[in-house]
Amino acid sequence: YRRFDDEVIRPIELADNGVVLNPFSLAVSSFVPNWDSE
């Protein structure tokens, strides 16, 4: 749990709190539909 928290959760938190982006958060954001998507 601690390892997952350090390696995955903390980077998500830093991105969501406006500190720094990370590849995982960007990958999840890629699922947000484009403005002209159906």
All heavy atoms as atom14 arrays in JSON, in Angstrom:
{
  "sequence": "YRRFDDEVIRPIELADNGVVLNPFSLAVSSFVPNWDSE",
  "atom14_mask": [
    [1, 1, 1, 1, 1, 1, 1, 1, 1, 1, 1, 1, 0, 0],
    [1, 1, 1, 1, 1, 1, 1, 1, 1, 1, 1, 0, 0, 0],
    [1, 1, 1, 1, 1, 1, 1, 1, 1, 1, 1, 0, 0, 0],
    [1, 1, 1, 1, 1, 1, 1, 1, 1, 1, 1, 0, 0, 0],
    [1, 1, 1, 1, 1, 1, 1, 1, 0, 0, 0, 0, 0, 0],
    [1, 1, 1, 1, 1, 1, 1, 1, 0, 0, 0, 0, 0, 0],
    [1, 1, 1, 1, 1, 1, 1, 1, 1, 0, 0, 0, 0, 0],
    [1, 1, 1, 1, 1, 1, 1, 0, 0, 0, 0, 0, 0, 0],
    [1, 1, 1, 1, 1, 1, 1, 1, 0, 0, 0, 0, 0, 0],
    [1, 1, 1, 1, 1, 1, 1, 1, 1, 1, 1, 0, 0, 0],
    [1, 1, 1, 1, 1, 1, 1, 0, 0, 0, 0, 0, 0, 0],
    [1, 1, 1, 1, 1, 1, 1, 1, 0, 0, 0, 0, 0, 0],
    [1, 1, 1, 1, 1, 1, 1, 1, 1, 0, 0, 0, 0, 0],
    [1, 1, 1, 1, 1, 1, 1, 1, 0, 0, 0, 0, 0, 0],
    [1, 1, 1, 1, 1, 0, 0, 0, 0, 0, 0, 0, 0, 0],
    [1, 1, 1, 1, 1, 1, 1, 1, 0, 0, 0, 0, 0, 0],
    [1, 1, 1, 1, 1, 1, 1, 1, 0, 0, 0, 0, 0, 0],
    [1, 1, 1, 1, 0, 0, 0, 0, 0, 0, 0, 0, 0, 0],
    [1, 1, 1, 1, 1, 1, 1, 0, 0, 0, 0, 0, 0, 0],
    [1, 1, 1, 1, 1, 1, 1, 0, 0, 0, 0, 0, 0, 0],
    [1, 1, 1, 1, 1, 1, 1, 1, 0, 0, 0, 0, 0, 0],
    [1, 1, 1, 1, 1, 1, 1, 1, 0, 0, 0, 0, 0, 0],
    [1, 1, 1, 1, 1, 1, 1, 0, 0, 0, 0, 0, 0, 0],
    [1, 1, 1, 1, 1, 1, 1, 1, 1, 1, 1, 0, 0, 0],
    [1, 1, 1, 1, 1, 1, 0, 0, 0, 0, 0, 0, 0, 0],
    [1, 1, 1, 1, 1, 1, 1, 1, 0, 0, 0, 0, 0, 0],
    [1, 1, 1, 1, 1, 0, 0, 0, 0, 0, 0, 0, 0, 0],
    [1, 1, 1, 1, 1, 1, 1, 0, 0, 0, 0, 0, 0, 0],
    [1, 1, 1, 1, 1, 1, 0, 0, 0, 0, 0, 0, 0, 0],
    [1, 1, 1, 1, 1, 1, 0, 0, 0, 0, 0, 0, 0, 0],
    [1, 1, 1, 1, 1, 1, 1, 1, 1, 1, 1, 0, 0, 0],
    [1, 1, 1, 1, 1, 1, 1, 0, 0, 0, 0, 0, 0, 0],
    [1, 1, 1, 1, 1, 1, 1, 0, 0, 0, 0, 0, 0, 0],
    [1, 1, 1, 1, 1, 1, 1, 1, 0, 0, 0, 0, 0, 0],
    [1, 1, 1, 1, 1, 1, 1, 1, 1, 1, 1, 1, 1, 1],
    [1, 1, 1, 1, 1, 1, 1, 1, 0, 0, 0, 0, 0, 0],
    [1, 1, 1, 1, 1, 1, 0, 0, 0, 0, 0, 0, 0, 0],
    [1, 1, 1, 1, 1, 1, 1, 1, 1, 0, 0, 0, 0, 0]
  ],
  "atom14_positions": [
    [[0.84, -1.21, 0.0], [0.0, 0.0, 0.0], [0.87, 1.25, 0.0], [0.63, 2.19, -0.77], [-0.93, -0.01, 1.2], [-1.34, 1.37, 1.66], [-2.05, 2.23, 0.83], [-1.01, 1.83, 2.95], [-2.41, 3.52, 1.25], [-1.37, 3.09, 3.37], [-2.06, 3.94, 2.52], [-2.4, 5.2, 2.93], [0.0, 0.0, 0.0], [0.0, 0.0, 0.0]],
    [[1.88, 1.28, 0.86], [2.75, 2.46, 0.95], [3.46, 2.71, -0.38], [3.63, 3.86, -0.8], [3.79, 2.25, 2.06], [3.21, 2.18, 3.46], [2.62, 3.48, 3.91], [2.09, 3.39, 5.27], [1.37, 4.33, 5.85], [1.07, 5.44, 5.19], [0.93, 4.18, 7.09], [0.0, 0.0, 0.0], [0.0, 0.0, 0.0], [0.0, 0.0, 0.0]],
    [[3.89, 1.64, -1.03], [4.59, 1.8, -2.31], [3.65, 2.38, -3.37], [4.02, 3.29, -4.12], [5.17, 0.45, -2.76], [6.03, 0.54, -4.0], [6.86, -0.7, -4.19], [6.07, -1.92, -4.31], [6.02, -2.87, -3.38], [6.69, -2.73, -2.24], [5.29, -3.94, -3.56], [0.0, 0.0, 0.0], [0.0, 0.0, 0.0], [0.0, 0.0, 0.0]],
    [[2.43, 1.86, -3.43], [1.45, 2.38, -4.4], [1.1, 3.83, -4.07], [0.95, 4.66, -4.97], [0.18, 1.51, -4.37], [-0.83, 1.87, -5.41], [-0.7, 1.42, -6.71], [-1.92, 2.67, -5.1], [-1.64, 1.75, -7.69], [-2.86, 3.02, -6.06], [-2.71, 2.55, -7.35], [0.0, 0.0, 0.0], [0.0, 0.0, 0.0], [0.0, 0.0, 0.0]],
    [[0.98, 4.12, -2.8], [0.68, 5.48, -2.37], [1.79, 6.44, -2.82], [1.51, 7.53, -3.33], [0.52, 5.51, -0.85], [0.06, 6.86, -0.33], [-1.02, 7.32, -0.75], [0.77, 7.45, 0.5], [0.0, 0.0, 0.0], [0.0, 0.0, 0.0], [0.0, 0.0, 0.0], [0.0, 0.0, 0.0], [0.0, 0.0, 0.0], [0.0, 0.0, 0.0]],
    [[3.03, 6.02, -2.63], [4.16, 6.87, -3.02], [4.29, 7.03, -4.53], [4.53, 8.13, -5.04], [5.47, 6.3, -2.46], [5.61, 6.51, -0.96], [4.95, 7.41, -0.43], [6.39, 5.77, -0.34], [0.0, 0.0, 0.0], [0.0, 0.0, 0.0], [0.0, 0.0, 0.0], [0.0, 0.0, 0.0], [0.0, 0.0, 0.0], [0.0, 0.0, 0.0]],
    [[4.16, 5.91, -5.24], [4.46, 5.9, -6.67], [3.31, 6.37, -7.55], [3.54, 6.9, -8.64], [4.89, 4.49, -7.1], [6.19, 4.02, -6.44], [6.54, 2.6, -6.79], [5.75, 1.94, -7.51], [7.61, 2.12, -6.35], [0.0, 0.0, 0.0], [0.0, 0.0, 0.0], [0.0, 0.0, 0.0], [0.0, 0.0, 0.0], [0.0, 0.0, 0.0]],
    [[2.08, 6.19, -7.1], [0.92, 6.51, -7.95], [0.04, 7.61, -7.35], [-0.28, 8.6, -8.01], [0.07, 5.24, -8.2], [-1.14, 5.58, -9.09], [0.91, 4.15, -8.85], [0.0, 0.0, 0.0], [0.0, 0.0, 0.0], [0.0, 0.0, 0.0], [0.0, 0.0, 0.0], [0.0, 0.0, 0.0], [0.0, 0.0, 0.0], [0.0, 0.0, 0.0]],
    [[-0.35, 7.44, -6.09], [-1.3, 8.36, -5.49], [-0.71, 9.76, -5.29], [-1.33, 10.77, -5.64], [-1.83, 7.81, -4.15], [-2.57, 6.49, -4.37], [-2.75, 8.84, -3.49], [-3.8, 6.59, -5.26], [0.0, 0.0, 0.0], [0.0, 0.0, 0.0], [0.0, 0.0, 0.0], [0.0, 0.0, 0.0], [0.0, 0.0, 0.0], [0.0, 0.0, 0.0]],
    [[0.49, 9.83, -4.74], [1.09, 11.15, -4.49], [1.28, 11.96, -5.77], [0.99, 13.18, -5.77], [2.41, 11.0, -3.72], [2.2, 10.59, -2.27], [3.51, 10.56, -1.5], [3.29, 10.13, -0.13], [3.78, 10.74, 0.95], [4.5, 11.84, 0.79], [3.56, 10.29, 2.16], [0.0, 0.0, 0.0], [0.0, 0.0, 0.0], [0.0, 0.0, 0.0]],
    [[1.75, 11.38, -6.86], [1.83, 12.15, -8.11], [0.45, 12.65, -8.58], [0.34, 13.76, -9.09], [2.44, 11.16, -9.1], [3.27, 10.25, -8.26], [2.46, 10.08, -7.0], [0.0, 0.0, 0.0], [0.0, 0.0, 0.0], [0.0, 0.0, 0.0], [0.0, 0.0, 0.0], [0.0, 0.0, 0.0], [0.0, 0.0, 0.0], [0.0, 0.0, 0.0]],
    [[-0.58, 11.82, -8.39], [-1.93, 12.26, -8.75], [-2.31, 13.48, -7.9], [-2.88, 14.45, -8.41], [-2.95, 11.12, -8.53], [-2.76, 10.02, -9.57], [-4.39, 11.66, -8.6], [-3.64, 8.8, -9.35], [0.0, 0.0, 0.0], [0.0, 0.0, 0.0], [0.0, 0.0, 0.0], [0.0, 0.0, 0.0], [0.0, 0.0, 0.0], [0.0, 0.0, 0.0]],
    [[-1.98, 13.43, -6.62], [-2.32, 14.53, -5.73], [-1.6, 15.82, -6.14], [-2.18, 16.9, -6.14], [-1.98, 14.16, -4.29], [-2.87, 13.06, -3.73], [-2.51, 12.66, -2.32], [-1.34, 12.83, -1.92], [-3.41, 12.16, -1.61], [0.0, 0.0, 0.0], [0.0, 0.0, 0.0], [0.0, 0.0, 0.0], [0.0, 0.0, 0.0], [0.0, 0.0, 0.0]],
    [[-0.32, 15.68, -6.47], [0.44, 16.87, -6.87], [-0.16, 17.5, -8.13], [-0.21, 18.72, -8.26], [1.9, 16.49, -7.1], [2.7, 16.13, -5.85], [4.09, 15.63, -6.23], [2.82, 17.33, -4.91], [0.0, 0.0, 0.0], [0.0, 0.0, 0.0], [0.0, 0.0, 0.0], [0.0, 0.0, 0.0], [0.0, 0.0, 0.0], [0.0, 0.0, 0.0]],
    [[-0.62, 16.66, -9.06], [-1.24, 17.18, -10.28], [-2.59, 17.82, -9.97], [-2.9, 18.92, -10.43], [-1.39, 16.06, -11.31], [0.0, 0.0, 0.0], [0.0, 0.0, 0.0], [0.0, 0.0, 0.0], [0.0, 0.0, 0.0], [0.0, 0.0, 0.0], [0.0, 0.0, 0.0], [0.0, 0.0, 0.0], [0.0, 0.0, 0.0], [0.0, 0.0, 0.0]],
    [[-3.39, 17.14, -9.17], [-4.75, 17.63, -8.9], [-4.73, 18.89, -8.04], [-5.66, 19.7, -8.11], [-5.57, 16.54, -8.22], [-7.06, 16.69, -8.48], [-7.5, 16.35, -9.6], [-7.78, 17.18, -7.58], [0.0, 0.0, 0.0], [0.0, 0.0, 0.0], [0.0, 0.0, 0.0], [0.0, 0.0, 0.0], [0.0, 0.0, 0.0], [0.0, 0.0, 0.0]],
    [[-3.67, 19.04, -7.24], [-3.55, 20.24, -6.41], [-2.76, 21.34, -7.1], [-2.38, 22.33, -6.48], [-2.9, 19.88, -5.07], [-3.85, 19.13, -4.15], [-5.01, 19.49, -4.0], [-3.37, 18.05, -3.54], [0.0, 0.0, 0.0], [0.0, 0.0, 0.0], [0.0, 0.0, 0.0], [0.0, 0.0, 0.0], [0.0, 0.0, 0.0], [0.0, 0.0, 0.0]],
    [[-2.48, 21.16, -8.41], [-1.87, 22.21, -9.2], [-0.4, 22.43, -8.98], [0.1, 23.54, -9.17], [0.0, 0.0, 0.0], [0.0, 0.0, 0.0], [0.0, 0.0, 0.0], [0.0, 0.0, 0.0], [0.0, 0.0, 0.0], [0.0, 0.0, 0.0], [0.0, 0.0, 0.0], [0.0, 0.0, 0.0], [0.0, 0.0, 0.0], [0.0, 0.0, 0.0]],
    [[0.33, 21.36, -8.61], [1.77, 21.49, -8.37], [2.57, 21.08, -9.6], [3.35, 21.86, -10.15], [2.2, 20.66, -7.15], [3.71, 20.8, -6.92], [1.42, 21.1, -5.91], [0.0, 0.0, 0.0], [0.0, 0.0, 0.0], [0.0, 0.0, 0.0], [0.0, 0.0, 0.0], [0.0, 0.0, 0.0], [0.0, 0.0, 0.0], [0.0, 0.0, 0.0]],
    [[2.39, 19.85, -10.05], [3.14, 19.36, -11.22], [2.37, 18.2, -11.85], [1.77, 17.38, -11.15], [4.57, 18.9, -10.82], [4.52, 17.76, -9.81], [5.39, 18.5, -12.03], [0.0, 0.0, 0.0], [0.0, 0.0, 0.0], [0.0, 0.0, 0.0], [0.0, 0.0, 0.0], [0.0, 0.0, 0.0], [0.0, 0.0, 0.0], [0.0, 0.0, 0.0]],
    [[2.38, 18.13, -13.18], [1.71, 17.05, -13.88], [2.56, 15.79, -13.88], [3.75, 15.82, -13.58], [1.4, 17.46, -15.32], [0.24, 18.43, -15.52], [0.15, 18.87, -16.98], [-1.08, 17.78, -15.09], [0.0, 0.0, 0.0], [0.0, 0.0, 0.0], [0.0, 0.0, 0.0], [0.0, 0.0, 0.0], [0.0, 0.0, 0.0], [0.0, 0.0, 0.0]],
    [[1.95, 14.69, -14.22], [2.66, 13.41, -14.32], [2.02, 12.6, -15.44], [0.87, 12.84, -15.82], [2.6, 12.65, -12.99], [1.18, 12.25, -12.63], [0.69, 11.22, -13.06], [0.49, 13.1, -11.85], [0.0, 0.0, 0.0], [0.0, 0.0, 0.0], [0.0, 0.0, 0.0], [0.0, 0.0, 0.0], [0.0, 0.0, 0.0], [0.0, 0.0, 0.0]],
    [[2.73, 11.61, -15.99], [2.22, 10.84, -17.13], [0.91, 10.11, -16.83], [0.04, 10.01, -17.7], [3.36, 9.86, -17.42], [4.58, 10.55, -16.94], [4.15, 11.3, -15.71], [0.0, 0.0, 0.0], [0.0, 0.0, 0.0], [0.0, 0.0, 0.0], [0.0, 0.0, 0.0], [0.0, 0.0, 0.0], [0.0, 0.0, 0.0], [0.0, 0.0, 0.0]],
    [[0.74, 9.6, -15.61], [-0.47, 8.85, -15.3], [-1.69, 9.76, -15.36], [-2.72, 9.4, -15.95], [-0.36, 8.18, -13.93], [-1.51, 7.27, -13.6], [-1.52, 5.96, -14.05], [-2.58, 7.72, -12.86], [-2.58, 5.11, -13.77], [-3.65, 6.89, -12.57], [-3.65, 5.58, -13.02], [0.0, 0.0, 0.0], [0.0, 0.0, 0.0], [0.0, 0.0, 0.0]],
    [[-1.59, 10.93, -14.74], [-2.72, 11.87, -14.77], [-3.04, 12.31, -16.19], [-4.21, 12.46, -16.56], [-2.41, 13.08, -13.9], [-2.31, 12.72, -12.54], [0.0, 0.0, 0.0], [0.0, 0.0, 0.0], [0.0, 0.0, 0.0], [0.0, 0.0, 0.0], [0.0, 0.0, 0.0], [0.0, 0.0, 0.0], [0.0, 0.0, 0.0], [0.0, 0.0, 0.0]],
    [[-2.0, 12.5, -17.0], [-2.22, 12.87, -18.4], [-2.91, 11.74, -19.17], [-3.75, 11.98, -20.02], [-0.88, 13.22, -19.05], [-0.23, 14.52, -18.59], [1.18, 14.65, -19.18], [-1.08, 15.72, -18.99], [0.0, 0.0, 0.0], [0.0, 0.0, 0.0], [0.0, 0.0, 0.0], [0.0, 0.0, 0.0], [0.0, 0.0, 0.0], [0.0, 0.0, 0.0]],
    [[-2.52, 10.49, -18.84], [-3.15, 9.35, -19.51], [-4.64, 9.28, -19.19], [-5.47, 9.03, -20.07], [-2.45, 8.05, -19.09], [0.0, 0.0, 0.0], [0.0, 0.0, 0.0], [0.0, 0.0, 0.0], [0.0, 0.0, 0.0], [0.0, 0.0, 0.0], [0.0, 0.0, 0.0], [0.0, 0.0, 0.0], [0.0, 0.0, 0.0], [0.0, 0.0, 0.0]],
    [[-4.99, 9.52, -17.94], [-6.41, 9.51, -17.55], [-7.15, 10.66, -18.23], [-8.28, 10.49, -18.71], [-6.55, 9.6, -16.02], [-8.02, 9.72, -15.63], [-5.93, 8.37, -15.35], [0.0, 0.0, 0.0], [0.0, 0.0, 0.0], [0.0, 0.0, 0.0], [0.0, 0.0, 0.0], [0.0, 0.0, 0.0], [0.0, 0.0, 0.0], [0.0, 0.0, 0.0]],
    [[-6.51, 11.81, -18.32], [-7.15, 12.97, -18.96], [-7.41, 12.74, -20.44], [-8.28, 13.39, -21.03], [-6.27, 14.21, -18.78], [-6.2, 14.59, -17.43], [0.0, 0.0, 0.0], [0.0, 0.0, 0.0], [0.0, 0.0, 0.0], [0.0, 0.0, 0.0], [0.0, 0.0, 0.0], [0.0, 0.0, 0.0], [0.0, 0.0, 0.0], [0.0, 0.0, 0.0]],
    [[-6.68, 11.81, -21.04], [-6.88, 11.53, -22.47], [-8.25, 10.92, -22.75], [-8.69, 10.89, -23.9], [-5.78, 10.61, -23.0], [-5.92, 9.29, -22.48], [0.0, 0.0, 0.0], [0.0, 0.0, 0.0], [0.0, 0.0, 0.0], [0.0, 0.0, 0.0], [0.0, 0.0, 0.0], [0.0, 0.0, 0.0], [0.0, 0.0, 0.0], [0.0, 0.0, 0.0]],
    [[-8.94, 10.45, -21.7], [-10.27, 9.89, -21.87], [-11.35, 10.96, -21.86], [-12.51, 10.68, -22.17], [-10.56, 8.86, -20.78], [-9.8, 7.57, -20.93], [-8.57, 7.4, -20.31], [-10.31, 6.53, -21.69], [-7.87, 6.22, -20.43], [-9.61, 5.34, -21.84], [-8.38, 5.18, -21.21], [0.0, 0.0, 0.0], [0.0, 0.0, 0.0], [0.0, 0.0, 0.0]],
    [[-10.98, 12.18, -21.5], [-11.96, 13.28, -21.55], [-12.33, 13.53, -23.01], [-11.44, 13.74, -23.85], [-11.38, 14.56, -20.93], [-12.36, 15.73, -21.11], [-11.07, 14.35, -19.45], [0.0, 0.0, 0.0], [0.0, 0.0, 0.0], [0.0, 0.0, 0.0], [0.0, 0.0, 0.0], [0.0, 0.0, 0.0], [0.0, 0.0, 0.0], [0.0, 0.0, 0.0]],
    [[-13.62, 13.49, -23.35], [-14.02, 13.66, -24.75], [-13.58, 15.01, -25.31], [-13.57, 16.03, -24.61], [-15.55, 13.56, -24.7], [-15.83, 12.79, -23.45], [-14.77, 13.2, -22.48], [0.0, 0.0, 0.0], [0.0, 0.0, 0.0], [0.0, 0.0, 0.0], [0.0, 0.0, 0.0], [0.0, 0.0, 0.0], [0.0, 0.0, 0.0], [0.0, 0.0, 0.0]],
    [[-13.2, 15.02, -26.57], [-12.87, 16.28, -27.25], [-14.1, 17.17, -27.34], [-15.25, 16.69, -27.27], [-12.32, 16.0, -28.64], [-11.02, 15.21, -28.6], [-10.21, 15.4, -27.69], [-10.84, 14.33, -29.57], [0.0, 0.0, 0.0], [0.0, 0.0, 0.0], [0.0, 0.0, 0.0], [0.0, 0.0, 0.0], [0.0, 0.0, 0.0], [0.0, 0.0, 0.0]],
    [[-13.9, 18.43, -27.52], [-15.01, 19.38, -27.56], [-16.02, 19.06, -28.65], [-17.22, 19.33, -28.51], [-14.49, 20.8, -27.75], [-13.88, 21.04, -29.12], [-12.59, 20.84, -29.49], [-14.56, 21.51, -30.29], [-12.4, 21.14, -30.81], [-13.59, 21.56, -31.34], [-15.88, 21.89, -30.57], [-13.92, 21.99, -32.63], [-16.19, 22.32, -31.86], [-15.21, 22.36, -32.87]],
    [[-15.53, 18.44, -29.75], [-16.44, 18.14, -30.87], [-16.77, 16.66, -30.95], [-17.22, 16.17, -31.99], [-15.82, 18.62, -32.18], [-14.43, 18.06, -32.43], [-13.87, 17.39, -31.51], [-13.88, 18.27, -33.53], [0.0, 0.0, 0.0], [0.0, 0.0, 0.0], [0.0, 0.0, 0.0], [0.0, 0.0, 0.0], [0.0, 0.0, 0.0], [0.0, 0.0, 0.0]],
    [[-16.55, 15.94, -29.86], [-16.84, 14.51, -29.84], [-18.32, 14.26, -29.56], [-18.98, 15.03, -28.85], [-15.99, 13.81, -28.78], [-16.38, 12.46, -28.63], [0.0, 0.0, 0.0], [0.0, 0.0, 0.0], [0.0, 0.0, 0.0], [0.0, 0.0, 0.0], [0.0, 0.0, 0.0], [0.0, 0.0, 0.0], [0.0, 0.0, 0.0], [0.0, 0.0, 0.0]],
    [[-18.85, 13.19, -30.1], [-20.22, 12.79, -29.81], [-20.32, 12.03, -28.5], [-21.41, 11.81, -27.97], [-20.77, 11.93, -30.95], [-20.91, 12.69, -32.27], [-21.53, 11.83, -33.37], [-21.83, 10.64, -33.08], [-21.7, 12.33, -34.49], [0.0, 0.0, 0.0], [0.0, 0.0, 0.0], [0.0, 0.0, 0.0], [0.0, 0.0, 0.0], [0.0, 0.0, 0.0]]
  ]
}
